[in-house]
């Protein structure tokens, strides 16, 4: 006999610009992240997907923000 426990995993996503968190929220298979960038320039953007075991960080992608 196998007994399964109900486990709630906290799943979240984060957006980082130059290593600083600018957005966080619940993660899903599809969605959007809306946030303000207060200064134009070149940034290294990464996405982190997190659960109860920790976070996995994407490779950095350069973005350009015009002001």
Protein backbone atom coordinates (compact mmCIF):
# COMPACT_ATOMS: atom_id res chain seq x y z
CA UNK A 1 0.00 0.00 0.00
CA UNK A 2 1.30 3.48 -0.93
CA UNK A 3 0.18 6.60 0.84
CA UNK A 4 0.64 9.90 -0.95
CA UNK A 5 0.81 13.14 0.96
CA UNK A 6 -0.60 16.31 -0.49
CA UNK A 7 2.30 18.66 -1.08
CA UNK A 8 1.94 22.29 -2.02
CA UNK A 9 4.92 23.48 -4.03
CA UNK A 10 5.56 27.19 -4.08
CA UNK A 11 6.23 27.97 -7.70
CA UNK A 12 7.28 31.44 -8.70
CA UNK A 13 9.06 33.33 -11.42
CA UNK A 14 11.40 36.31 -11.24
CA UNK A 15 12.78 38.73 -13.82
CA UNK A 16 16.24 40.16 -13.17
CA UNK A 17 17.99 43.08 -14.87
CA UNK A 18 21.73 43.15 -14.27
CA UNK A 19 21.23 40.67 -11.44
CA UNK A 20 18.62 42.79 -9.60
CA UNK A 21 15.06 41.52 -9.22
CA UNK A 22 12.59 43.83 -10.99
CA UNK A 23 9.53 41.56 -11.00
CA UNK A 24 8.27 38.45 -9.25
CA UNK A 25 5.03 36.54 -9.34
CA UNK A 26 3.44 33.12 -9.79
CA UNK A 27 4.87 30.93 -12.54
CA UNK A 28 2.89 29.03 -15.14
CA UNK A 29 3.39 27.51 -18.56
CA UNK A 30 2.51 30.86 -20.17
CA UNK A 31 2.09 34.38 -18.90
CA UNK A 32 3.39 37.92 -18.86
CA UNK A 33 5.53 40.05 -16.57
CA UNK A 34 4.96 43.80 -16.65
CA UNK A 35 7.42 46.10 -14.89
CA UNK A 36 8.85 49.60 -15.21
CA UNK A 37 12.44 50.40 -16.09
CA UNK A 38 13.25 53.89 -14.85
CA UNK A 39 16.41 54.52 -16.88
CA UNK A 40 17.23 53.73 -20.49
CA UNK A 41 20.31 51.71 -21.35
CA UNK A 42 21.59 48.22 -21.98
CA UNK A 43 20.67 45.53 -19.49
CA UNK A 44 21.33 41.83 -19.05
CA UNK A 45 17.92 40.21 -18.51
CA UNK A 46 17.41 36.81 -16.91
CA UNK A 47 14.38 34.80 -15.81
CA UNK A 48 14.40 32.61 -12.72
CA UNK A 49 11.88 29.81 -12.19
CA UNK A 50 11.62 28.73 -8.56
CA UNK A 51 10.03 25.95 -6.54
CA UNK A 52 10.51 24.45 -3.10
CA UNK A 53 13.96 23.15 -4.09
CA UNK A 54 15.35 26.51 -5.24
CA UNK A 55 15.60 28.53 -8.45
CA UNK A 56 16.90 27.86 -11.94
CA UNK A 57 18.26 30.90 -13.76
CA UNK A 58 18.14 31.39 -17.54
CA UNK A 59 21.09 32.52 -19.60
CA UNK A 60 21.39 36.30 -19.78
CA UNK A 61 19.99 38.13 -22.81
CA UNK A 62 20.97 41.71 -23.56
CA UNK A 63 18.05 44.12 -23.96
CA UNK A 64 18.07 47.81 -24.85
CA UNK A 65 15.64 50.18 -23.16
CA UNK A 66 15.12 53.57 -24.80
CA UNK A 67 14.03 56.51 -22.67
